[in-house]
Amino acid sequence: MEQETQHDRFVIFPYPPESYSDGSVNHGGIDLTHETQRIDEIEEARRSPNLRRLLEEVNLQDGLFMTLGCDYRQLTGGISGYVDFTFRPGLPASLTVDAVSLDDYFWAYLAKQEIANHISDGAMVGYARSALKWSWSELEMGGVSGKKITLAFCCQRSEDAEWCLDHLRHFLVTEFPSLPLRQA
C-alpha cells in the first residue's frame, strides 16, 4: 500500500467542515462510534445502501475499526468514492502494526472467497485490483498518532461499487477481526 501525501489537511480527526467553489460540501469528520445519531447527516450514505451498512456496522458495533470520512458520487463514466478508516484508539500495537498491510489481507480474503464460491481463479481479486486503490497517510486523533487508510473505488456500474463496499464491510467487521492475533 502506498503512502498518500497529497491530502495532508485531513490528518487531524475530527476534521472541520469545508465548502468548495463548485458548491459541494465536506461535512467534516464525524466520530460515529460516539455520535451514532449523526449517521443520517452523511449524504453519501443515502446514495449507497452498502456504504450506509458499512458505516453502521463498522462504527456502531464494538470492533477494531472506525470510519473517518467517505464519498460516493455518480460520474459520467460510473461511480467513484472512497472510505477513510483507521483502527480504533487504544488497541494493542500487535493489531495496529498491520495498518499498512491491510490491502494484502484484503486480497487474501477475496482469494479465499473465490475458492469458497468456486469462482474462476483470480477473477474477484483481478476485478478488485482494477477498481480499488489502497493508500495510507499519517493521522492524529486525540493527540495520538496513527494511520488513516483510504480505500478509493472507481466502478462503471453502481452494482460494482456496491459489491466493493459490501466486501470491504465484511472484511473490516468479520474477516480481519477473526484472523489469529498478530505479534508486534
N, C-alpha and C. Protein backbone atom coordinates (compact mmCIF):
# COMPACT_ATOMS: atom_id res chain seq x y z
N MET A 1 0.85 -1.17 0.00
CA MET A 1 0.00 0.00 0.00
C MET A 1 0.89 1.23 0.00
N GLU A 2 0.55 2.18 -0.83
CA GLU A 2 1.36 3.39 -0.95
C GLU A 2 0.95 4.44 0.07
N GLN A 3 1.93 5.25 0.46
CA GLN A 3 1.62 6.36 1.35
C GLN A 3 1.08 7.53 0.52
N GLU A 4 -0.02 8.10 0.97
CA GLU A 4 -0.64 9.26 0.33
C GLU A 4 -0.07 10.52 0.97
N THR A 5 0.37 11.44 0.14
CA THR A 5 0.96 12.67 0.67
C THR A 5 0.20 13.92 0.23
N GLN A 6 -0.80 13.77 -0.63
CA GLN A 6 -1.49 14.94 -1.19
C GLN A 6 -2.59 15.50 -0.30
N HIS A 7 -3.16 14.72 0.59
CA HIS A 7 -4.32 15.17 1.37
C HIS A 7 -3.92 15.48 2.81
N ASP A 8 -2.86 16.22 3.00
CA ASP A 8 -2.33 16.43 4.34
C ASP A 8 -3.17 17.35 5.22
N ARG A 9 -4.20 18.00 4.67
CA ARG A 9 -5.04 18.84 5.52
C ARG A 9 -6.07 18.00 6.28
N PHE A 10 -6.19 16.72 5.95
CA PHE A 10 -7.11 15.83 6.65
C PHE A 10 -6.33 14.84 7.51
N VAL A 11 -5.46 15.35 8.34
CA VAL A 11 -4.65 14.46 9.17
C VAL A 11 -4.98 14.55 10.66
N ILE A 12 -5.80 15.52 11.05
CA ILE A 12 -6.22 15.62 12.44
C ILE A 12 -7.72 15.38 12.49
N PHE A 13 -8.11 14.32 13.19
CA PHE A 13 -9.52 13.92 13.24
C PHE A 13 -10.10 14.29 14.59
N PRO A 14 -11.34 14.81 14.64
CA PRO A 14 -12.22 15.04 13.50
C PRO A 14 -11.85 16.33 12.77
N TYR A 15 -11.89 16.27 11.45
CA TYR A 15 -11.57 17.46 10.68
C TYR A 15 -12.82 18.29 10.47
N PRO A 16 -12.61 19.62 10.31
CA PRO A 16 -13.76 20.53 10.23
C PRO A 16 -14.44 20.47 8.86
N PRO A 17 -15.69 20.93 8.80
CA PRO A 17 -16.39 21.00 7.51
C PRO A 17 -15.70 21.98 6.56
N GLU A 18 -15.86 21.75 5.26
CA GLU A 18 -15.32 22.63 4.23
C GLU A 18 -16.33 22.80 3.12
N SER A 19 -16.41 24.02 2.58
CA SER A 19 -17.23 24.27 1.39
C SER A 19 -16.29 24.50 0.22
N TYR A 20 -16.66 24.00 -0.96
CA TYR A 20 -15.82 24.11 -2.14
C TYR A 20 -16.45 25.06 -3.16
N SER A 21 -15.63 25.53 -4.08
CA SER A 21 -16.08 26.51 -5.08
C SER A 21 -17.17 25.96 -6.00
N ASP A 22 -17.25 24.64 -6.16
CA ASP A 22 -18.29 24.07 -7.02
C ASP A 22 -19.63 23.90 -6.29
N GLY A 23 -19.69 24.37 -5.03
CA GLY A 23 -20.91 24.28 -4.25
C GLY A 23 -21.02 23.04 -3.39
N SER A 24 -20.11 22.09 -3.57
CA SER A 24 -20.16 20.88 -2.75
C SER A 24 -19.61 21.17 -1.36
N VAL A 25 -19.96 20.30 -0.44
CA VAL A 25 -19.58 20.49 0.96
C VAL A 25 -19.01 19.19 1.50
N ASN A 26 -17.91 19.29 2.21
CA ASN A 26 -17.39 18.18 3.01
C ASN A 26 -17.84 18.49 4.42
N HIS A 27 -18.69 17.63 4.97
CA HIS A 27 -19.28 17.90 6.28
C HIS A 27 -18.31 17.68 7.43
N GLY A 28 -17.09 17.29 7.11
CA GLY A 28 -16.09 17.08 8.15
C GLY A 28 -16.16 15.66 8.69
N GLY A 29 -15.20 15.35 9.55
CA GLY A 29 -15.15 14.02 10.15
C GLY A 29 -16.15 13.91 11.29
N ILE A 30 -16.95 12.86 11.27
CA ILE A 30 -17.91 12.58 12.34
C ILE A 30 -17.49 11.29 13.00
N ASP A 31 -17.30 11.32 14.31
CA ASP A 31 -16.95 10.11 15.04
C ASP A 31 -18.23 9.34 15.35
N LEU A 32 -18.59 8.45 14.45
CA LEU A 32 -19.82 7.68 14.60
C LEU A 32 -19.75 6.66 15.73
N THR A 33 -18.58 6.40 16.25
CA THR A 33 -18.51 5.50 17.40
C THR A 33 -19.06 6.19 18.65
N HIS A 34 -19.03 7.52 18.68
CA HIS A 34 -19.54 8.28 19.82
C HIS A 34 -20.81 9.07 19.50
N GLU A 35 -21.04 9.38 18.23
CA GLU A 35 -22.21 10.16 17.82
C GLU A 35 -22.99 9.39 16.77
N THR A 36 -23.50 8.24 17.17
CA THR A 36 -24.16 7.35 16.22
C THR A 36 -25.37 7.99 15.55
N GLN A 37 -26.05 8.88 16.24
CA GLN A 37 -27.25 9.52 15.69
C GLN A 37 -26.91 10.40 14.48
N ARG A 38 -25.67 10.77 14.28
CA ARG A 38 -25.29 11.66 13.18
C ARG A 38 -25.13 10.95 11.84
N ILE A 39 -25.32 9.64 11.81
CA ILE A 39 -25.15 8.91 10.55
C ILE A 39 -26.10 9.45 9.48
N ASP A 40 -27.26 9.94 9.88
CA ASP A 40 -28.23 10.46 8.91
C ASP A 40 -27.78 11.76 8.27
N GLU A 41 -26.76 12.42 8.83
CA GLU A 41 -26.21 13.64 8.24
C GLU A 41 -25.31 13.34 7.04
N ILE A 42 -24.91 12.09 6.89
CA ILE A 42 -23.95 11.73 5.86
C ILE A 42 -24.70 11.47 4.56
N GLU A 43 -24.68 12.47 3.69
CA GLU A 43 -25.42 12.43 2.43
C GLU A 43 -25.02 11.23 1.57
N GLU A 44 -23.74 10.91 1.55
CA GLU A 44 -23.24 9.80 0.73
C GLU A 44 -23.89 8.48 1.13
N ALA A 45 -24.21 8.32 2.40
CA ALA A 45 -24.84 7.09 2.88
C ALA A 45 -26.26 6.94 2.34
N ARG A 46 -26.88 8.04 1.95
CA ARG A 46 -28.22 7.97 1.35
C ARG A 46 -28.13 7.53 -0.12
N ARG A 47 -26.96 7.69 -0.73
CA ARG A 47 -26.78 7.31 -2.14
C ARG A 47 -26.42 5.84 -2.32
N SER A 48 -25.98 5.20 -1.25
CA SER A 48 -25.48 3.83 -1.36
C SER A 48 -25.90 3.01 -0.14
N PRO A 49 -26.75 2.00 -0.35
CA PRO A 49 -27.15 1.16 0.79
C PRO A 49 -25.98 0.43 1.43
N ASN A 50 -25.01 -0.01 0.63
CA ASN A 50 -23.89 -0.73 1.23
C ASN A 50 -22.90 0.19 1.92
N LEU A 51 -22.80 1.44 1.50
CA LEU A 51 -21.98 2.39 2.23
C LEU A 51 -22.62 2.65 3.59
N ARG A 52 -23.92 2.85 3.62
CA ARG A 52 -24.60 3.06 4.91
C ARG A 52 -24.40 1.84 5.81
N ARG A 53 -24.59 0.66 5.27
CA ARG A 53 -24.41 -0.56 6.07
C ARG A 53 -22.99 -0.65 6.61
N LEU A 54 -22.00 -0.33 5.78
CA LEU A 54 -20.60 -0.32 6.23
C LEU A 54 -20.42 0.66 7.38
N LEU A 55 -20.93 1.88 7.22
CA LEU A 55 -20.79 2.89 8.27
C LEU A 55 -21.46 2.43 9.56
N GLU A 56 -22.63 1.82 9.45
CA GLU A 56 -23.33 1.33 10.64
C GLU A 56 -22.55 0.21 11.32
N GLU A 57 -22.18 -0.80 10.56
CA GLU A 57 -21.57 -1.98 11.17
C GLU A 57 -20.16 -1.73 11.67
N VAL A 58 -19.38 -0.94 10.95
CA VAL A 58 -18.01 -0.67 11.40
C VAL A 58 -18.02 0.19 12.65
N ASN A 59 -18.88 1.20 12.69
CA ASN A 59 -18.85 2.17 13.78
C ASN A 59 -19.78 1.85 14.95
N LEU A 60 -20.89 1.21 14.70
CA LEU A 60 -21.89 1.05 15.73
C LEU A 60 -21.73 -0.24 16.52
N GLN A 61 -20.79 -1.06 16.17
CA GLN A 61 -20.51 -2.29 16.90
C GLN A 61 -19.16 -2.13 17.59
N ASP A 62 -18.95 -2.96 18.60
CA ASP A 62 -17.62 -3.00 19.21
C ASP A 62 -16.72 -3.74 18.25
N GLY A 63 -15.84 -3.01 17.60
CA GLY A 63 -14.98 -3.63 16.60
C GLY A 63 -13.59 -3.04 16.66
N LEU A 64 -12.80 -3.36 15.66
CA LEU A 64 -11.42 -2.90 15.60
C LEU A 64 -11.28 -1.56 14.88
N PHE A 65 -12.22 -1.23 14.00
CA PHE A 65 -12.07 -0.09 13.12
C PHE A 65 -13.13 0.98 13.37
N MET A 66 -12.86 2.16 12.84
CA MET A 66 -13.84 3.25 12.80
C MET A 66 -13.62 4.00 11.50
N THR A 67 -14.71 4.55 10.95
CA THR A 67 -14.57 5.33 9.73
C THR A 67 -14.27 6.78 10.08
N LEU A 68 -13.61 7.46 9.15
CA LEU A 68 -13.23 8.86 9.32
C LEU A 68 -13.90 9.76 8.31
N GLY A 69 -14.25 9.23 7.16
CA GLY A 69 -14.87 10.01 6.10
C GLY A 69 -15.18 9.11 4.92
N CYS A 70 -15.98 9.63 3.98
CA CYS A 70 -16.35 8.83 2.82
C CYS A 70 -16.86 9.76 1.71
N ASP A 71 -16.95 9.18 0.54
CA ASP A 71 -17.57 9.86 -0.60
C ASP A 71 -18.18 8.78 -1.48
N TYR A 72 -19.21 9.16 -2.21
CA TYR A 72 -19.87 8.26 -3.16
C TYR A 72 -20.58 9.16 -4.15
N ARG A 73 -20.11 9.16 -5.39
CA ARG A 73 -20.71 10.07 -6.36
C ARG A 73 -20.80 9.45 -7.74
N GLN A 74 -21.84 9.87 -8.44
CA GLN A 74 -22.07 9.45 -9.82
C GLN A 74 -21.22 10.35 -10.72
N LEU A 75 -20.44 9.74 -11.59
CA LEU A 75 -19.66 10.47 -12.59
C LEU A 75 -20.20 10.11 -13.97
N THR A 76 -19.71 10.77 -14.98
CA THR A 76 -20.15 10.48 -16.34
C THR A 76 -19.91 9.01 -16.68
N GLY A 77 -18.76 8.48 -16.29
CA GLY A 77 -18.41 7.11 -16.65
C GLY A 77 -18.65 6.08 -15.57
N GLY A 78 -19.35 6.43 -14.50
CA GLY A 78 -19.59 5.43 -13.46
C GLY A 78 -19.71 6.04 -12.07
N ILE A 79 -19.27 5.28 -11.10
CA ILE A 79 -19.37 5.65 -9.68
C ILE A 79 -17.97 5.72 -9.11
N SER A 80 -17.71 6.74 -8.30
CA SER A 80 -16.43 6.78 -7.61
C SER A 80 -16.65 7.24 -6.18
N GLY A 81 -15.67 7.00 -5.37
CA GLY A 81 -15.75 7.42 -3.98
C GLY A 81 -14.58 6.85 -3.19
N TYR A 82 -14.71 6.95 -1.88
CA TYR A 82 -13.67 6.42 -1.00
C TYR A 82 -14.26 6.20 0.39
N VAL A 83 -13.55 5.42 1.16
CA VAL A 83 -13.83 5.27 2.59
C VAL A 83 -12.49 5.44 3.30
N ASP A 84 -12.45 6.39 4.23
CA ASP A 84 -11.29 6.57 5.11
C ASP A 84 -11.61 5.87 6.42
N PHE A 85 -10.66 5.09 6.93
CA PHE A 85 -10.89 4.43 8.21
C PHE A 85 -9.57 4.24 8.93
N THR A 86 -9.65 3.86 10.18
CA THR A 86 -8.47 3.63 10.99
C THR A 86 -8.81 2.60 12.06
N PHE A 87 -7.78 2.11 12.74
CA PHE A 87 -8.02 1.29 13.92
C PHE A 87 -8.55 2.20 15.02
N ARG A 88 -9.43 1.67 15.85
CA ARG A 88 -9.95 2.45 16.97
C ARG A 88 -8.82 2.73 17.97
N PRO A 89 -8.90 3.86 18.65
CA PRO A 89 -7.86 4.20 19.64
C PRO A 89 -7.81 3.16 20.75
N GLY A 90 -6.60 2.97 21.27
CA GLY A 90 -6.41 2.10 22.43
C GLY A 90 -6.19 0.64 22.14
N LEU A 91 -6.14 0.25 20.88
CA LEU A 91 -5.91 -1.16 20.56
C LEU A 91 -4.42 -1.49 20.70
N PRO A 92 -4.09 -2.74 20.98
CA PRO A 92 -2.68 -3.11 21.13
C PRO A 92 -1.90 -2.95 19.83
N ALA A 93 -0.63 -2.63 19.98
CA ALA A 93 0.25 -2.44 18.81
C ALA A 93 0.32 -3.70 17.95
N SER A 94 0.10 -4.88 18.54
CA SER A 94 0.15 -6.11 17.76
C SER A 94 -0.93 -6.13 16.68
N LEU A 95 -1.99 -5.35 16.84
CA LEU A 95 -3.01 -5.22 15.81
C LEU A 95 -2.72 -4.09 14.86
N THR A 96 -2.44 -2.93 15.39
CA THR A 96 -2.32 -1.73 14.57
C THR A 96 -1.07 -1.70 13.71
N VAL A 97 -0.09 -2.52 14.04
CA VAL A 97 1.13 -2.59 13.23
C VAL A 97 0.81 -3.04 11.80
N ASP A 98 -0.32 -3.71 11.62
CA ASP A 98 -0.71 -4.22 10.31
C ASP A 98 -1.45 -3.21 9.45
N ALA A 99 -1.58 -1.97 9.90
CA ALA A 99 -2.39 -0.99 9.17
C ALA A 99 -1.97 -0.86 7.71
N VAL A 100 -0.69 -0.74 7.44
CA VAL A 100 -0.25 -0.51 6.06
C VAL A 100 -0.20 -1.81 5.24
N SER A 101 -0.59 -2.92 5.85
CA SER A 101 -0.67 -4.19 5.13
C SER A 101 -2.11 -4.68 4.96
N LEU A 102 -3.07 -3.85 5.33
CA LEU A 102 -4.47 -4.29 5.23
C LEU A 102 -4.86 -4.66 3.81
N ASP A 103 -4.27 -4.01 2.82
CA ASP A 103 -4.60 -4.37 1.44
C ASP A 103 -4.21 -5.81 1.14
N ASP A 104 -3.05 -6.25 1.63
CA ASP A 104 -2.63 -7.64 1.41
C ASP A 104 -3.59 -8.62 2.06
N TYR A 105 -4.04 -8.30 3.28
CA TYR A 105 -5.03 -9.14 3.95
C TYR A 105 -6.34 -9.15 3.17
N PHE A 106 -6.73 -8.02 2.59
CA PHE A 106 -7.97 -7.93 1.82
C PHE A 106 -7.88 -8.79 0.56
N TRP A 107 -6.76 -8.70 -0.16
CA TRP A 107 -6.61 -9.52 -1.37
C TRP A 107 -6.67 -11.01 -1.01
N ALA A 108 -6.06 -11.39 0.10
CA ALA A 108 -6.10 -12.79 0.54
C ALA A 108 -7.53 -13.20 0.89
N TYR A 109 -8.28 -12.31 1.53
CA TYR A 109 -9.68 -12.59 1.84
C TYR A 109 -10.47 -12.84 0.54
N LEU A 110 -10.29 -11.98 -0.48
CA LEU A 110 -11.00 -12.17 -1.74
C LEU A 110 -10.60 -13.48 -2.42
N ALA A 111 -9.32 -13.82 -2.35
CA ALA A 111 -8.87 -15.09 -2.95
C ALA A 111 -9.54 -16.26 -2.24
N LYS A 112 -9.68 -16.17 -0.95
CA LYS A 112 -10.37 -17.21 -0.18
C LYS A 112 -11.85 -17.29 -0.59
N GLN A 113 -12.47 -16.13 -0.86
CA GLN A 113 -13.86 -16.11 -1.32
C GLN A 113 -14.00 -16.78 -2.69
N GLU A 114 -13.01 -16.57 -3.55
CA GLU A 114 -13.03 -17.22 -4.87
C GLU A 114 -13.07 -18.73 -4.72
N ILE A 115 -12.22 -19.25 -3.85
CA ILE A 115 -12.16 -20.71 -3.65
C ILE A 115 -13.46 -21.22 -3.06
N ALA A 116 -13.95 -20.54 -2.02
CA ALA A 116 -15.17 -20.98 -1.35
C ALA A 116 -16.39 -20.94 -2.27
N ASN A 117 -16.40 -20.03 -3.22
CA ASN A 117 -17.55 -19.87 -4.10
C ASN A 117 -17.31 -20.42 -5.51
N HIS A 118 -16.22 -21.17 -5.69
CA HIS A 118 -15.91 -21.81 -6.97
C HIS A 118 -15.90 -20.82 -8.12
N ILE A 119 -15.24 -19.69 -7.89
CA ILE A 119 -15.12 -18.65 -8.91
C ILE A 119 -13.77 -18.81 -9.59
N SER A 120 -13.74 -18.58 -10.89
CA SER A 120 -12.51 -18.79 -11.64
C SER A 120 -11.34 -18.07 -10.98
N ASP A 121 -10.23 -18.73 -10.99
CA ASP A 121 -9.03 -18.27 -10.29
C ASP A 121 -8.66 -16.84 -10.64
N GLY A 122 -8.67 -16.00 -9.64
CA GLY A 122 -8.22 -14.63 -9.81
C GLY A 122 -9.25 -13.63 -10.27
N ALA A 123 -10.48 -14.07 -10.56
CA ALA A 123 -11.49 -13.15 -11.10
C ALA A 123 -11.86 -12.04 -10.12
N MET A 124 -12.15 -12.40 -8.87
CA MET A 124 -12.54 -11.39 -7.88
C MET A 124 -11.37 -10.47 -7.55
N VAL A 125 -10.23 -11.07 -7.31
CA VAL A 125 -9.05 -10.27 -6.97
C VAL A 125 -8.67 -9.37 -8.14
N GLY A 126 -8.70 -9.91 -9.34
CA GLY A 126 -8.36 -9.11 -10.52
C GLY A 126 -9.29 -7.92 -10.69
N TYR A 127 -10.59 -8.17 -10.54
CA TYR A 127 -11.53 -7.07 -10.67
C TYR A 127 -11.29 -6.03 -9.56
N ALA A 128 -11.17 -6.50 -8.33
CA ALA A 128 -10.98 -5.57 -7.20
C ALA A 128 -9.71 -4.75 -7.37
N ARG A 129 -8.65 -5.37 -7.83
CA ARG A 129 -7.40 -4.61 -8.04
C ARG A 129 -7.56 -3.54 -9.12
N SER A 130 -8.45 -3.77 -10.09
CA SER A 130 -8.66 -2.76 -11.13
C SER A 130 -9.59 -1.63 -10.66
N ALA A 131 -10.43 -1.89 -9.67
CA ALA A 131 -11.43 -0.91 -9.24
C ALA A 131 -11.06 -0.18 -7.95
N LEU A 132 -10.13 -0.74 -7.19
CA LEU A 132 -9.82 -0.21 -5.86
C LEU A 132 -8.38 0.28 -5.78
N LYS A 133 -8.18 1.32 -5.00
CA LYS A 133 -6.83 1.81 -4.72
C LYS A 133 -6.71 2.04 -3.21
N TRP A 134 -5.77 1.32 -2.62
CA TRP A 134 -5.50 1.46 -1.19
C TRP A 134 -4.35 2.44 -0.99
N SER A 135 -4.45 3.28 0.03
CA SER A 135 -3.34 4.16 0.40
C SER A 135 -3.45 4.45 1.90
N TRP A 136 -2.39 5.01 2.44
CA TRP A 136 -2.41 5.39 3.85
C TRP A 136 -1.74 6.74 4.02
N SER A 137 -2.07 7.39 5.12
CA SER A 137 -1.43 8.65 5.47
C SER A 137 -1.38 8.74 6.99
N GLU A 138 -0.58 9.66 7.46
CA GLU A 138 -0.48 9.87 8.90
C GLU A 138 -1.81 10.45 9.40
N LEU A 139 -2.11 10.19 10.66
CA LEU A 139 -3.34 10.65 11.28
C LEU A 139 -3.06 10.99 12.73
N GLU A 140 -3.70 12.04 13.21
CA GLU A 140 -3.66 12.36 14.63
C GLU A 140 -5.09 12.40 15.13
N MET A 141 -5.33 11.67 16.21
CA MET A 141 -6.67 11.62 16.78
C MET A 141 -6.54 11.66 18.30
N GLY A 142 -7.04 12.72 18.88
CA GLY A 142 -6.94 12.87 20.33
C GLY A 142 -5.51 12.96 20.82
N GLY A 143 -4.64 13.56 20.01
CA GLY A 143 -3.24 13.71 20.39
C GLY A 143 -2.40 12.46 20.18
N VAL A 144 -2.99 11.40 19.63
CA VAL A 144 -2.28 10.15 19.40
C VAL A 144 -2.07 9.96 17.91
N SER A 145 -0.86 9.59 17.52
CA SER A 145 -0.55 9.35 16.11
C SER A 145 -1.00 7.97 15.68
N GLY A 146 -1.42 7.88 14.43
CA GLY A 146 -1.83 6.61 13.88
C GLY A 146 -1.78 6.66 12.36
N LYS A 147 -2.50 5.75 11.73
CA LYS A 147 -2.54 5.67 10.27
C LYS A 147 -3.98 5.76 9.80
N LYS A 148 -4.21 6.60 8.81
CA LYS A 148 -5.50 6.66 8.13
C LYS A 148 -5.37 5.83 6.86
N ILE A 149 -6.29 4.89 6.69
CA ILE A 149 -6.32 4.06 5.50
C ILE A 149 -7.42 4.59 4.59
N THR A 150 -7.12 4.75 3.32
CA THR A 150 -8.11 5.17 2.34
C THR A 150 -8.28 4.07 1.31
N LEU A 151 -9.51 3.67 1.11
CA LEU A 151 -9.83 2.76 0.02
C LEU A 151 -10.69 3.55 -0.96
N ALA A 152 -10.10 3.90 -2.10
CA ALA A 152 -10.81 4.63 -3.15
C ALA A 152 -11.33 3.61 -4.16
N PHE A 153 -12.50 3.89 -4.71
CA PHE A 153 -13.06 2.99 -5.72
C PHE A 153 -13.56 3.79 -6.91
N CYS A 154 -13.48 3.16 -8.05
CA CYS A 154 -14.00 3.73 -9.29
C CYS A 154 -14.55 2.57 -10.11
N CYS A 155 -15.87 2.56 -10.30
CA CYS A 155 -16.55 1.44 -10.94
C CYS A 155 -17.46 1.95 -12.05
N GLN A 156 -17.66 1.14 -13.08
CA GLN A 156 -18.52 1.55 -14.18
C GLN A 156 -20.00 1.53 -13.79
N ARG A 157 -20.38 0.60 -12.92
CA ARG A 157 -21.79 0.47 -12.55
C ARG A 157 -21.96 0.58 -11.04
N SER A 158 -23.11 1.06 -10.60
CA SER A 158 -23.36 1.17 -9.17
C SER A 158 -23.34 -0.20 -8.50
N GLU A 159 -23.77 -1.25 -9.20
CA GLU A 159 -23.74 -2.60 -8.63
C GLU A 159 -22.32 -3.02 -8.28
N ASP A 160 -21.37 -2.60 -9.10
CA ASP A 160 -19.97 -2.94 -8.85
C ASP A 160 -19.45 -2.19 -7.62
N ALA A 161 -19.81 -0.92 -7.50
CA ALA A 161 -19.40 -0.15 -6.32
C ALA A 161 -20.01 -0.76 -5.06
N GLU A 162 -21.27 -1.18 -5.16
CA GLU A 162 -21.94 -1.80 -4.00
C GLU A 162 -21.23 -3.11 -3.63
N TRP A 163 -20.80 -3.88 -4.63
CA TRP A 163 -20.06 -5.12 -4.39
C TRP A 163 -18.77 -4.82 -3.62
N CYS A 164 -18.04 -3.80 -4.07
CA CYS A 164 -16.78 -3.43 -3.41
C CYS A 164 -17.03 -3.02 -1.96
N LEU A 165 -18.03 -2.20 -1.73
CA LEU A 165 -18.33 -1.73 -0.37
C LEU A 165 -18.79 -2.87 0.52
N ASP A 166 -19.56 -3.80 -0.04
CA ASP A 166 -20.01 -4.94 0.76
C ASP A 166 -18.84 -5.81 1.19
N HIS A 167 -17.89 -6.03 0.29
CA HIS A 167 -16.73 -6.83 0.65
C HIS A 167 -15.83 -6.09 1.65
N LEU A 168 -15.69 -4.79 1.50
CA LEU A 168 -14.91 -4.03 2.49
C LEU A 168 -15.57 -4.13 3.87
N ARG A 169 -16.89 -3.97 3.92
CA ARG A 169 -17.60 -4.08 5.19
C ARG A 169 -17.35 -5.45 5.83
N HIS A 170 -17.55 -6.50 5.07
CA HIS A 170 -17.36 -7.85 5.61
C HIS A 170 -15.92 -8.05 6.09
N PHE A 171 -14.98 -7.56 5.33
CA PHE A 171 -13.57 -7.68 5.70
C PHE A 171 -13.29 -6.96 7.02
N LEU A 172 -13.76 -5.73 7.17
CA LEU A 172 -13.46 -4.94 8.37
C LEU A 172 -14.21 -5.44 9.60
N VAL A 173 -15.43 -5.91 9.42
CA VAL A 173 -16.27 -6.30 10.55
C VAL A 173 -16.06 -7.76 10.96
N THR A 174 -15.84 -8.63 9.99
CA THR A 174 -15.81 -10.07 10.28
C THR A 174 -14.46 -10.72 9.99
N GLU A 175 -13.96 -10.54 8.79
CA GLU A 175 -12.78 -11.30 8.35
C GLU A 175 -11.50 -10.92 9.09
N PHE A 176 -11.10 -9.66 9.03
CA PHE A 176 -9.85 -9.27 9.68
C PHE A 176 -9.89 -9.52 11.19
N PRO A 177 -10.98 -9.18 11.89
CA PRO A 177 -11.01 -9.46 13.32
C PRO A 177 -10.92 -10.94 13.67
N SER A 178 -11.27 -11.84 12.74
CA SER A 178 -11.23 -13.27 13.02
C SER A 178 -9.85 -13.89 12.79
N LEU A 179 -8.92 -13.13 12.20
CA LEU A 179 -7.59 -13.65 11.96
C LEU A 179 -6.86 -13.85 13.29
N PRO A 180 -5.92 -14.81 13.34
CA PRO A 180 -5.17 -15.01 14.58
C PRO A 180 -4.44 -13.73 14.99
N LEU A 181 -4.33 -13.52 16.28
CA LEU A 181 -3.65 -12.34 16.81
C LEU A 181 -2.22 -12.29 16.30
N ARG A 182 -1.85 -11.15 15.75
CA ARG A 182 -0.50 -10.96 15.25
C ARG A 182 0.41 -10.52 16.40
N GLN A 183 1.67 -10.83 16.29
CA GLN A 183 2.65 -10.44 17.31
C GLN A 183 3.36 -9.17 16.87
N ALA A 184 3.51 -8.23 17.78
CA ALA A 184 4.17 -6.95 17.46
C ALA A 184 5.66 -7.15 17.33
